[in-house]
Amino acid sequence: MKASISFPELQSLIAEKANQNIGFSFLDSKTVRVTYPLNLGFIKKDISANLTFIELVGSDLLVSVDAGFGTDKLLTTVLSLLKDKIPAGLIEKRPESRLMLHLDQIEQVKTVFDAINVTDLLVLNEGLEVEGSLK
């Protein structure tokens, strides 16, 4: 069984729930580019990072983050900016520029994991695809 969500749908969901305009684009079957518009008043710049899916265990997704030089510092900064805008416990910072995403902290995603034994998460040209079987 396969289920998918397009990048525009994902962007709309994030904008609605977290009031953040985050963009997504395809790089390869395991890597998505995430773009966040940073606006510090006098500085307006898009910050991009490549997220590579390393491992999916249950509803926990380990990703590697590559944003060039200073990725760990950037992660710390972005996570502190987002801490009041995302569910508590959603993102756990790990060593070596990695993040553990506890996807069951997002109600709509939790519903999917409650109904499906997810075996893989793929990046497609137009969005994300989950592979699995019904419970």
C-alpha atoms as a PDB file:
ATOM      1  CA  MET A   1       0.000   0.000   0.000  1.00  0.00           C
ATOM      2  CA  LYS A   2       1.192   3.500  -0.827  1.00  0.00           C
ATOM      3  CA  ALA A   3      -0.015   6.887   0.361  1.00  0.00           C
ATOM      4  CA  SER A   4       1.359  10.234  -0.682  1.00  0.00           C
ATOM      5  CA  ILE A   5       1.212  13.920   0.101  1.00  0.00           C
ATOM      6  CA  SER A   6       2.219  16.559  -2.404  1.00  0.00           C
ATOM      7  CA  PHE A   7       4.680  19.272  -1.482  1.00  0.00           C
ATOM      8  CA  PRO A   8       1.968  21.973  -1.833  1.00  0.00           C
ATOM      9  CA  GLU A   9      -0.328  20.009   0.531  1.00  0.00           C
ATOM     10  CA  LEU A  10       2.503  19.598   3.045  1.00  0.00           C
ATOM     11  CA  GLN A  11       3.392  23.292   2.805  1.00  0.00           C
ATOM     12  CA  SER A  12      -0.268  24.250   3.376  1.00  0.00           C
ATOM     13  CA  LEU A  13      -0.565  21.931   6.367  1.00  0.00           C
ATOM     14  CA  ILE A  14       2.548  23.408   7.976  1.00  0.00           C
ATOM     15  CA  ALA A  15       1.391  26.956   7.241  1.00  0.00           C
ATOM     16  CA  GLU A  16      -2.012  26.213   8.798  1.00  0.00           C
ATOM     17  CA  LYS A  17      -0.774  24.370  11.884  1.00  0.00           C
ATOM     18  CA  ALA A  18       2.547  26.106  12.626  1.00  0.00           C
ATOM     19  CA  ASN A  19       2.082  29.412  10.802  1.00  0.00           C
ATOM     20  CA  GLN A  20       5.366  28.821   8.948  1.00  0.00           C
ATOM     21  CA  ASN A  21       6.019  29.068   5.213  1.00  0.00           C
ATOM     22  CA  ILE A  22       8.383  26.193   4.557  1.00  0.00           C
ATOM     23  CA  GLY A  23       9.147  25.025   1.032  1.00  0.00           C
ATOM     24  CA  PHE A  24      10.036  21.524  -0.138  1.00  0.00           C
ATOM     25  CA  SER A  25      11.664  20.194  -3.296  1.00  0.00           C
ATOM     26  CA  PHE A  26      12.946  16.849  -4.603  1.00  0.00           C
ATOM     27  CA  LEU A  27      16.667  15.996  -4.677  1.00  0.00           C
ATOM     28  CA  ASP A  28      16.614  12.187  -4.742  1.00  0.00           C
ATOM     29  CA  SER A  29      14.488   9.294  -3.446  1.00  0.00           C
ATOM     30  CA  LYS A  30      15.738   9.795   0.127  1.00  0.00           C
ATOM     31  CA  THR A  31      16.562  13.514   0.145  1.00  0.00           C
ATOM     32  CA  VAL A  32      14.309  16.562   0.214  1.00  0.00           C
ATOM     33  CA  ARG A  33      15.435  20.194   0.178  1.00  0.00           C
ATOM     34  CA  VAL A  34      13.687  22.289   2.827  1.00  0.00           C
ATOM     35  CA  THR A  35      13.655  26.081   2.489  1.00  0.00           C
ATOM     36  CA  TYR A  36      12.770  28.429   5.326  1.00  0.00           C
ATOM     37  CA  PRO A  37      12.388  32.175   4.769  1.00  0.00           C
ATOM     38  CA  LEU A  38      14.336  33.904   7.540  1.00  0.00           C
ATOM     39  CA  ASN A  39      13.152  37.409   8.339  1.00  0.00           C
ATOM     40  CA  LEU A  40      15.027  39.205  11.086  1.00  0.00           C
ATOM     41  CA  GLY A  41      13.764  42.649  10.080  1.00  0.00           C
ATOM     42  CA  PHE A  42      16.981  43.932   8.560  1.00  0.00           C
ATOM     43  CA  ILE A  43      17.901  40.516   7.108  1.00  0.00           C
ATOM     44  CA  LYS A  44      15.613  38.598   4.777  1.00  0.00           C
ATOM     45  CA  LYS A  45      17.105  35.431   3.378  1.00  0.00           C
ATOM     46  CA  ASP A  46      15.969  31.940   2.428  1.00  0.00           C
ATOM     47  CA  ILE A  47      17.805  29.259   4.367  1.00  0.00           C
ATOM     48  CA  SER A  48      17.938  25.843   2.708  1.00  0.00           C
ATOM     49  CA  ALA A  49      18.960  22.460   4.030  1.00  0.00           C
ATOM     50  CA  ASN A  50      18.941  18.993   2.551  1.00  0.00           C
ATOM     51  CA  LEU A  51      17.234  16.382   4.723  1.00  0.00           C
ATOM     52  CA  THR A  52      18.228  12.795   3.976  1.00  0.00           C
ATOM     53  CA  PHE A  53      16.072  10.028   5.433  1.00  0.00           C
ATOM     54  CA  ILE A  54      18.414   7.646   7.267  1.00  0.00           C
ATOM     55  CA  GLU A  55      16.095   5.306   9.153  1.00  0.00           C
ATOM     56  CA  LEU A  56      12.404   4.949   9.936  1.00  0.00           C
ATOM     57  CA  VAL A  57      11.556   3.002  13.097  1.00  0.00           C
ATOM     58  CA  GLY A  58       7.866   3.028  13.924  1.00  0.00           C
ATOM     59  CA  SER A  59       6.901   6.683  13.771  1.00  0.00           C
ATOM     60  CA  ASP A  60      10.429   7.961  14.478  1.00  0.00           C
ATOM     61  CA  LEU A  61      12.379   9.218  11.466  1.00  0.00           C
ATOM     62  CA  LEU A  62      16.131   9.796  11.713  1.00  0.00           C
ATOM     63  CA  VAL A  63      17.317  12.397   9.214  1.00  0.00           C
ATOM     64  CA  SER A  64      20.706  13.794   8.336  1.00  0.00           C
ATOM     65  CA  VAL A  65      20.800  17.546   7.746  1.00  0.00           C
ATOM     66  CA  ASP A  66      23.207  19.210   5.326  1.00  0.00           C
ATOM     67  CA  ALA A  67      23.121  22.996   5.151  1.00  0.00           C
ATOM     68  CA  GLY A  68      26.778  23.478   4.312  1.00  0.00           C
ATOM     69  CA  PHE A  69      29.348  24.885   6.701  1.00  0.00           C
ATOM     70  CA  GLY A  70      27.942  25.490  10.191  1.00  0.00           C
ATOM     71  CA  THR A  71      25.015  23.071   9.932  1.00  0.00           C
ATOM     72  CA  ASP A  72      25.001  22.241  13.665  1.00  0.00           C
ATOM     73  CA  LYS A  73      24.929  25.935  14.614  1.00  0.00           C
ATOM     74  CA  LEU A  74      22.163  26.576  12.069  1.00  0.00           C
ATOM     75  CA  LEU A  75      20.119  23.654  13.463  1.00  0.00           C
ATOM     76  CA  THR A  76      20.417  25.011  16.985  1.00  0.00           C
ATOM     77  CA  THR A  77      19.323  28.476  15.840  1.00  0.00           C
ATOM     78  CA  VAL A  78      16.388  27.264  13.729  1.00  0.00           C
ATOM     79  CA  LEU A  79      15.155  24.906  16.446  1.00  0.00           C
ATOM     80  CA  SER A  80      15.202  27.712  18.991  1.00  0.00           C
ATOM     81  CA  LEU A  81      13.217  29.940  16.595  1.00  0.00           C
ATOM     82  CA  LEU A  82      10.650  27.195  15.999  1.00  0.00           C
ATOM     83  CA  LYS A  83      10.306  25.867  19.558  1.00  0.00           C
ATOM     84  CA  ASP A  84       7.053  27.732  20.245  1.00  0.00           C
ATOM     85  CA  LYS A  85       5.633  26.987  16.790  1.00  0.00           C
ATOM     86  CA  ILE A  86       5.912  23.210  16.602  1.00  0.00           C
ATOM     87  CA  PRO A  87       4.586  20.460  18.883  1.00  0.00           C
ATOM     88  CA  ALA A  88       6.770  19.781  21.915  1.00  0.00           C
ATOM     89  CA  GLY A  89       8.748  16.598  21.474  1.00  0.00           C
ATOM     90  CA  LEU A  90       8.525  16.621  17.670  1.00  0.00           C
ATOM     91  CA  ILE A  91      12.216  17.243  16.970  1.00  0.00           C
ATOM     92  CA  GLU A  92      15.153  15.848  18.914  1.00  0.00           C
ATOM     93  CA  LYS A  93      18.628  17.113  17.993  1.00  0.00           C
ATOM     94  CA  ARG A  94      21.225  14.365  17.625  1.00  0.00           C
ATOM     95  CA  PRO A  95      25.010  14.433  17.080  1.00  0.00           C
ATOM     96  CA  GLU A  96      26.565  14.716  13.617  1.00  0.00           C
ATOM     97  CA  SER A  97      23.937  17.087  12.178  1.00  0.00           C
ATOM     98  CA  ARG A  98      21.112  14.603  12.656  1.00  0.00           C
ATOM     99  CA  LEU A  99      17.565  15.028  13.892  1.00  0.00           C
ATOM    100  CA  MET A 100      15.103  12.468  15.206  1.00  0.00           C
ATOM    101  CA  LEU A 101      11.598  13.442  14.111  1.00  0.00           C
ATOM    102  CA  HIS A 102       8.910  11.940  16.342  1.00  0.00           C
ATOM    103  CA  LEU A 103       6.187  12.036  13.702  1.00  0.00           C
ATOM    104  CA  ASP A 104       3.486  10.755  16.057  1.00  0.00           C
ATOM    105  CA  GLN A 105       3.531  14.222  17.655  1.00  0.00           C
ATOM    106  CA  ILE A 106       1.661  15.535  14.574  1.00  0.00           C
ATOM    107  CA  GLU A 107      -1.993  14.499  14.891  1.00  0.00           C
ATOM    108  CA  GLN A 108      -2.612  13.977  11.146  1.00  0.00           C
ATOM    109  CA  VAL A 109       0.560  11.917  10.780  1.00  0.00           C
ATOM    110  CA  LYS A 110      -0.184   9.932  13.945  1.00  0.00           C
ATOM    111  CA  THR A 111      -3.477   8.872  12.345  1.00  0.00           C
ATOM    112  CA  VAL A 112      -1.547   7.405   9.394  1.00  0.00           C
ATOM    113  CA  PHE A 113       0.863   5.519  11.664  1.00  0.00           C
ATOM    114  CA  ASP A 114      -2.059   4.211  13.742  1.00  0.00           C
ATOM    115  CA  ALA A 115      -3.623   2.668  10.622  1.00  0.00           C
ATOM    116  CA  ILE A 116      -0.548   1.605   8.637  1.00  0.00           C
ATOM    117  CA  ASN A 117       2.616  -0.354   9.409  1.00  0.00           C
ATOM    118  CA  VAL A 118       4.927   2.057   7.611  1.00  0.00           C
ATOM    119  CA  THR A 119       7.924   0.369   5.998  1.00  0.00           C
ATOM    120  CA  ASP A 120       9.458   3.192   3.950  1.00  0.00           C
ATOM    121  CA  LEU A 121       9.284   6.904   3.266  1.00  0.00           C
ATOM    122  CA  LEU A 122      10.305   8.115  -0.184  1.00  0.00           C
ATOM    123  CA  VAL A 123      10.780  11.499  -1.784  1.00  0.00           C
ATOM    124  CA  LEU A 124       9.077  11.858  -5.173  1.00  0.00           C
ATOM    125  CA  ASN A 125       9.311  14.721  -7.670  1.00  0.00           C
ATOM    126  CA  GLU A 126       5.982  16.076  -6.469  1.00  0.00           C
ATOM    127  CA  GLY A 127       5.899  15.072  -2.793  1.00  0.00           C
ATOM    128  CA  LEU A 128       6.417  12.365  -0.185  1.00  0.00           C
ATOM    129  CA  GLU A 129       5.236   8.769  -0.380  1.00  0.00           C
ATOM    130  CA  VAL A 130       4.716   6.332   2.481  1.00  0.00           C
ATOM    131  CA  GLU A 131       4.861   2.604   1.844  1.00  0.00           C
ATOM    132  CA  GLY A 132       3.354   0.086   4.219  1.00  0.00           C
ATOM    133  CA  SER A 133       0.521  -2.280   4.986  1.00  0.00           C
ATOM    134  CA  LEU A 134      -2.762  -1.852   6.831  1.00  0.00           C
ATOM    135  CA  LYS A 135      -2.732  -2.914  10.476  1.00  0.00           C
END
